[in-house]
Amino acid sequence: MRISLTAIIKKVTLITDRLAGACFFSVMALVVSNIIMRNIFKRPILGTMEIVGLLCVTGLGLALSNCEMINFNVGMDVVMEKLSDKTRKTIKLGTYSVALCFWSIVVWRMYIYASATYMNKRVTPTTSIPVYPFVFMLGFNLLCLCAVLAYKLVRAARDVYALSRGSSDAGKEIS
């Protein structure tokens, strides 16, 4: 049985999206718990701001790839709908190319930064939580975003090529 690349990417992005939801739920639970502890028991949870920051960064990174996969992003539909099909698909091809290049550089630099934080044993100031696992996680999440962008770039290139040939291959799933 052959599993399509589309199915794998969709599954991974769905998993990362669910993990992002867990991160944001944890943020909510921590903030509510901190408010209760501070107001009722006069004992706030130490390091709440640091933990919330780390969880938010992780959650945002985890959600990026699924947002791109399901096109849950801001677009220029008003302008784009007035263009021809070939022009729209060519613009998408260019956009995905630039985005993939940009995010690939960010991933590369993120792993360099994560290695530096690991080597320097950088920790958060109050709770002394090591920072490098969160930076590596963000790098992995951005790598997932790059996989989605590469997938969409290939589809856009296929669409432009199919339109230029007059073929009906445009929009087909990648195996």
Protein backbone atom coordinates (compact mmCIF):
# COMPACT_ATOMS: atom_id res chain seq x y z
CA MET A 1 0.00 0.00 0.00
CA ARG A 2 1.43 3.32 -1.08
CA ILE A 3 0.90 6.34 1.15
CA SER A 4 0.80 9.69 -0.61
CA LEU A 5 3.07 12.55 0.37
CA THR A 6 -0.03 14.68 0.78
CA ALA A 7 -1.42 12.32 3.42
CA ILE A 8 1.85 12.30 5.36
CA ILE A 9 2.15 16.10 5.36
CA LYS A 10 -1.50 16.53 6.35
CA LYS A 11 -1.10 14.01 9.19
CA VAL A 12 2.07 15.66 10.55
CA THR A 13 0.54 19.15 10.38
CA LEU A 14 -2.61 17.92 12.09
CA ILE A 15 -0.52 16.42 14.92
CA THR A 16 1.47 19.64 15.33
CA ASP A 17 -1.77 21.62 15.37
CA ARG A 18 -3.19 19.44 18.15
CA LEU A 19 0.03 19.88 20.13
CA ALA A 20 -0.30 23.65 19.64
CA GLY A 21 -3.78 23.44 21.12
CA ALA A 22 -2.35 21.58 24.11
CA CYS A 23 0.26 24.33 24.56
CA PHE A 24 -2.37 27.06 24.54
CA PHE A 25 -4.61 25.09 26.89
CA SER A 26 -1.62 24.74 29.24
CA VAL A 27 -1.05 28.49 29.06
CA MET A 28 -4.68 29.11 29.99
CA ALA A 29 -4.57 26.61 32.86
CA LEU A 30 -1.31 28.05 34.19
CA VAL A 31 -2.55 31.64 34.08
CA VAL A 32 -5.85 30.76 35.79
CA SER A 33 -4.00 28.70 38.40
CA ASN A 34 -1.58 31.56 39.03
CA ILE A 35 -4.45 34.01 39.50
CA ILE A 36 -6.17 31.67 41.96
CA MET A 37 -2.94 30.97 43.84
CA ARG A 38 -2.05 34.66 44.02
CA ASN A 39 -5.46 35.97 45.07
CA ILE A 40 -6.71 33.19 47.35
CA PHE A 41 -3.57 31.65 48.84
CA LYS A 42 -1.26 34.68 48.45
CA ARG A 43 1.32 32.37 46.81
CA PRO A 44 1.81 33.03 43.09
CA ILE A 45 3.38 30.36 40.88
CA LEU A 46 7.01 31.35 40.37
CA GLY A 47 8.15 31.72 36.78
CA THR A 48 4.67 31.94 35.31
CA MET A 49 5.71 34.62 32.81
CA GLU A 50 8.68 32.54 31.62
CA ILE A 51 6.66 29.36 31.24
CA VAL A 52 3.85 31.20 29.45
CA GLY A 53 6.39 32.71 27.06
CA LEU A 54 8.00 29.36 26.30
CA LEU A 55 4.62 27.67 25.79
CA CYS A 56 3.35 30.48 23.54
CA VAL A 57 6.43 30.34 21.31
CA THR A 58 6.12 26.57 21.10
CA GLY A 59 2.38 26.73 20.39
CA LEU A 60 2.74 29.37 17.69
CA GLY A 61 5.51 27.40 16.01
CA LEU A 62 3.47 24.21 16.15
CA ALA A 63 0.43 25.89 14.59
CA LEU A 64 2.25 27.49 11.63
CA SER A 65 2.51 24.47 9.34
CA ASN A 66 -1.14 23.47 9.68
CA CYS A 67 -2.26 27.06 9.12
CA GLU A 68 -0.31 27.09 5.87
CA MET A 69 -1.55 23.64 4.88
CA ILE A 70 -5.22 24.58 5.22
CA ASN A 71 -4.69 28.09 3.76
CA PHE A 72 -5.70 29.74 7.01
CA ASN A 73 -3.68 32.83 6.23
CA VAL A 74 -4.21 36.32 4.93
CA GLY A 75 -4.47 36.51 1.16
CA MET A 76 -4.99 39.11 -1.50
CA ASP A 77 -8.17 37.51 -2.85
CA VAL A 78 -9.71 40.82 -3.94
CA VAL A 79 -6.78 41.53 -6.24
CA MET A 80 -6.04 37.93 -7.21
CA GLU A 81 -9.56 37.08 -8.36
CA LYS A 82 -9.33 39.74 -11.07
CA LEU A 83 -6.27 38.09 -12.64
CA SER A 84 -6.22 35.25 -15.11
CA ASP A 85 -5.79 31.68 -13.87
CA LYS A 86 -2.26 31.41 -15.25
CA THR A 87 -1.20 34.73 -13.69
CA ARG A 88 -2.64 33.70 -10.32
CA LYS A 89 -0.82 30.39 -10.37
CA THR A 90 2.42 32.03 -11.50
CA ILE A 91 2.19 34.52 -8.62
CA LYS A 92 1.57 31.63 -6.22
CA LEU A 93 4.64 29.88 -7.63
CA GLY A 94 6.76 32.99 -6.99
CA THR A 95 5.30 33.52 -3.53
CA TYR A 96 5.95 29.94 -2.45
CA SER A 97 9.50 30.13 -3.84
CA VAL A 98 10.32 33.28 -1.87
CA ALA A 99 8.61 31.97 1.27
CA LEU A 100 10.45 28.64 1.09
CA CYS A 101 13.81 30.39 0.64
CA PHE A 102 13.12 32.75 3.55
CA TRP A 103 11.89 30.09 5.98
CA SER A 104 14.72 27.72 5.00
CA ILE A 105 17.22 30.38 6.02
CA VAL A 106 15.31 30.93 9.27
CA VAL A 107 15.41 27.17 10.01
CA TRP A 108 19.14 27.05 9.32
CA ARG A 109 19.79 30.04 11.61
CA MET A 110 17.41 28.64 14.25
CA TYR A 111 19.44 25.43 14.51
CA ILE A 112 22.66 27.44 14.78
CA TYR A 113 21.08 29.49 17.57
CA ALA A 114 19.73 26.36 19.29
CA SER A 115 23.19 24.80 19.22
CA ALA A 116 24.67 27.96 20.73
CA THR A 117 22.07 28.01 23.52
CA TYR A 118 22.84 24.35 24.22
CA MET A 119 26.60 24.91 24.27
CA ASN A 120 26.26 28.00 26.49
CA LYS A 121 23.78 26.22 28.79
CA ARG A 122 21.38 29.17 28.56
CA VAL A 123 18.45 28.98 30.97
CA THR A 124 15.52 31.19 31.91
CA PRO A 125 16.32 33.67 34.69
CA THR A 126 13.75 32.73 37.36
CA THR A 127 13.08 29.02 36.95
CA SER A 128 16.36 27.98 35.27
CA ILE A 129 14.55 26.05 32.53
CA PRO A 130 16.96 25.22 29.68
CA VAL A 131 16.05 27.25 26.58
CA TYR A 132 17.58 25.01 23.89
CA PRO A 133 14.77 22.38 23.74
CA PHE A 134 12.27 25.11 22.94
CA VAL A 135 14.54 26.62 20.29
CA PHE A 136 15.10 23.19 18.71
CA MET A 137 11.33 22.58 18.81
CA LEU A 138 10.70 25.89 17.07
CA GLY A 139 13.30 24.95 14.45
CA PHE A 140 11.57 21.62 13.87
CA ASN A 141 8.20 23.33 13.59
CA LEU A 142 9.59 25.76 11.03
CA LEU A 143 11.05 22.78 9.17
CA CYS A 144 7.51 21.37 9.00
CA LEU A 145 6.40 24.72 7.59
CA CYS A 146 9.15 24.44 4.97
CA ALA A 147 7.88 20.96 4.04
CA VAL A 148 4.38 22.36 3.51
CA LEU A 149 5.76 25.25 1.45
CA ALA A 150 7.85 22.85 -0.66
CA TYR A 151 4.78 20.69 -1.23
CA LYS A 152 2.75 23.73 -2.29
CA LEU A 153 5.61 24.97 -4.48
CA VAL A 154 5.69 21.67 -6.35
CA ARG A 155 1.91 21.78 -6.79
CA ALA A 156 2.06 25.38 -8.02
CA ALA A 157 4.84 24.52 -10.48
CA ARG A 158 2.83 21.56 -11.70
CA ASP A 159 -0.23 23.79 -12.15
CA VAL A 160 1.70 26.44 -14.10
CA TYR A 161 3.31 23.77 -16.28
CA ALA A 162 -0.04 22.08 -16.91
CA LEU A 163 -1.67 25.39 -17.85
CA SER A 164 1.15 26.24 -20.24
CA ARG A 165 0.74 22.85 -21.93
CA GLY A 166 -3.03 22.97 -21.84
CA SER A 167 -3.06 19.75 -19.83
CA SER A 168 -5.61 18.70 -17.24
CA ASP A 169 -2.92 17.75 -14.67
CA ALA A 170 -3.42 21.02 -12.75
CA GLY A 171 -4.43 20.56 -9.11
CA LYS A 172 -3.61 16.83 -8.92
CA GLU A 173 -2.34 15.46 -5.63
CA ILE A 174 1.35 14.65 -5.30
CA SER A 175 2.15 11.00 -4.64
